[in-house]
Amino acid sequence: MKYTIILEKEEEGGYSAQCLELPGAISQGETKEEALRNIKEAIEAVLEVLNQEVRGLREIAEISTVDVSV
C-alpha cells in the first residue's frame, strides 16, 4: 500500500515525518532518507497494533480497503 507522508525540515536540524492516513504514525530522522525509513517502520507498527485490536474484535468487526481515485 502507498501512504501519503508529510516530510518537514526542522529548524533545529533533521526532518520530521507523519503519515496523513495513520495519525499515530509519526517519526523523524537526521536526513530525509532516515526520516523516510523511520516513518515506514512507524506505519508498520501502527498497522500491527490495529490488526491486533481487530483480531480481538473479529466476531463483530473487520478491516477492508477501499481504492479512491481523485
C-alpha atoms as a PDB file:
ATOM      1  CA  MET A   1       0.000   0.000   0.000  1.00  0.00           C
ATOM      2  CA  LYS A   2       1.035   3.567  -0.537  1.00  0.00           C
ATOM      3  CA  TYR A   3       0.664   6.207   2.147  1.00  0.00           C
ATOM      4  CA  THR A   4       0.923   9.984   1.986  1.00  0.00           C
ATOM      5  CA  ILE A   5       3.766  11.398   4.065  1.00  0.00           C
ATOM      6  CA  ILE A   6       4.397  14.966   5.174  1.00  0.00           C
ATOM      7  CA  LEU A   7       8.161  15.453   5.420  1.00  0.00           C
ATOM      8  CA  GLU A   8       9.266  18.678   7.101  1.00  0.00           C
ATOM      9  CA  LYS A   9      12.712  20.117   7.656  1.00  0.00           C
ATOM     10  CA  GLU A  10      13.063  21.036  11.325  1.00  0.00           C
ATOM     11  CA  GLU A  11      14.637  24.343  12.436  1.00  0.00           C
ATOM     12  CA  GLU A  12      16.906  22.570  14.911  1.00  0.00           C
ATOM     13  CA  GLY A  13      18.049  20.122  12.229  1.00  0.00           C
ATOM     14  CA  GLY A  14      16.830  16.882  10.787  1.00  0.00           C
ATOM     15  CA  TYR A  15      13.402  16.035   9.419  1.00  0.00           C
ATOM     16  CA  SER A  16      10.049  15.042  10.858  1.00  0.00           C
ATOM     17  CA  ALA A  17       7.615  12.779   9.038  1.00  0.00           C
ATOM     18  CA  GLN A  18       3.983  11.924   9.589  1.00  0.00           C
ATOM     19  CA  CYS A  19       1.505   9.787   7.715  1.00  0.00           C
ATOM     20  CA  LEU A  20      -1.749  11.511   6.779  1.00  0.00           C
ATOM     21  CA  GLU A  21      -3.760   8.273   6.659  1.00  0.00           C
ATOM     22  CA  LEU A  22      -2.483   6.995  10.028  1.00  0.00           C
ATOM     23  CA  PRO A  23      -2.298   9.887  12.514  1.00  0.00           C
ATOM     24  CA  GLY A  24      -0.368   7.782  15.048  1.00  0.00           C
ATOM     25  CA  ALA A  25       2.468   7.165  12.581  1.00  0.00           C
ATOM     26  CA  ILE A  26       4.985   9.925  13.299  1.00  0.00           C
ATOM     27  CA  SER A  27       8.771   9.786  13.174  1.00  0.00           C
ATOM     28  CA  GLN A  28      11.945  11.753  12.499  1.00  0.00           C
ATOM     29  CA  GLY A  29      15.486  11.407  11.215  1.00  0.00           C
ATOM     30  CA  GLU A  30      18.686  13.329  10.695  1.00  0.00           C
ATOM     31  CA  THR A  31      18.324  13.047   6.900  1.00  0.00           C
ATOM     32  CA  LYS A  32      15.350  12.742   4.542  1.00  0.00           C
ATOM     33  CA  GLU A  33      16.297   9.141   3.852  1.00  0.00           C
ATOM     34  CA  GLU A  34      16.473   8.277   7.548  1.00  0.00           C
ATOM     35  CA  ALA A  35      13.155  10.003   8.248  1.00  0.00           C
ATOM     36  CA  LEU A  36      11.511   8.041   5.420  1.00  0.00           C
ATOM     37  CA  ARG A  37      12.946   4.740   6.703  1.00  0.00           C
ATOM     38  CA  ASN A  38      11.743   5.568  10.194  1.00  0.00           C
ATOM     39  CA  ILE A  39       8.225   6.570   9.107  1.00  0.00           C
ATOM     40  CA  LYS A  40       7.935   3.283   7.222  1.00  0.00           C
ATOM     41  CA  GLU A  41       8.711   1.439  10.471  1.00  0.00           C
ATOM     42  CA  ALA A  42       6.201   3.638  12.336  1.00  0.00           C
ATOM     43  CA  ILE A  43       3.494   2.850   9.767  1.00  0.00           C
ATOM     44  CA  GLU A  44       4.206  -0.876  10.074  1.00  0.00           C
ATOM     45  CA  ALA A  45       3.985  -0.636  13.881  1.00  0.00           C
ATOM     46  CA  VAL A  46       0.666   1.248  13.794  1.00  0.00           C
ATOM     47  CA  LEU A  47      -0.790  -1.262  11.328  1.00  0.00           C
ATOM     48  CA  GLU A  48       0.311  -4.173  13.518  1.00  0.00           C
ATOM     49  CA  VAL A  49      -1.402  -2.646  16.565  1.00  0.00           C
ATOM     50  CA  LEU A  50      -4.573  -2.030  14.555  1.00  0.00           C
ATOM     51  CA  ASN A  51      -4.537  -5.620  13.279  1.00  0.00           C
ATOM     52  CA  GLN A  52      -4.142  -6.968  16.825  1.00  0.00           C
ATOM     53  CA  GLU A  53      -7.049  -4.851  18.022  1.00  0.00           C
ATOM     54  CA  VAL A  54      -9.247  -6.083  15.177  1.00  0.00           C
ATOM     55  CA  ARG A  55      -8.306  -9.727  15.857  1.00  0.00           C
ATOM     56  CA  GLY A  56      -9.768  -9.253  19.317  1.00  0.00           C
ATOM     57  CA  LEU A  57     -12.981  -7.919  17.767  1.00  0.00           C
ATOM     58  CA  ARG A  58     -13.083 -10.405  14.897  1.00  0.00           C
ATOM     59  CA  GLU A  59     -16.608 -11.530  15.704  1.00  0.00           C
ATOM     60  CA  ILE A  60     -18.032  -8.022  15.354  1.00  0.00           C
ATOM     61  CA  ALA A  61     -15.600  -6.129  13.078  1.00  0.00           C
ATOM     62  CA  GLU A  62     -13.392  -6.479  10.036  1.00  0.00           C
ATOM     63  CA  ILE A  63     -10.892  -4.341   8.155  1.00  0.00           C
ATOM     64  CA  SER A  64     -11.299  -3.708   4.443  1.00  0.00           C
ATOM     65  CA  THR A  65      -9.558  -1.488   1.941  1.00  0.00           C
ATOM     66  CA  VAL A  66     -11.125   0.955  -0.474  1.00  0.00           C
ATOM     67  CA  ASP A  67      -9.431   2.494  -3.511  1.00  0.00           C
ATOM     68  CA  VAL A  68     -10.448   6.073  -4.219  1.00  0.00           C
ATOM     69  CA  SER A  69      -9.320   7.915  -7.343  1.00  0.00           C
ATOM     70  CA  VAL A  70      -9.440  11.680  -7.459  1.00  0.00           C
END
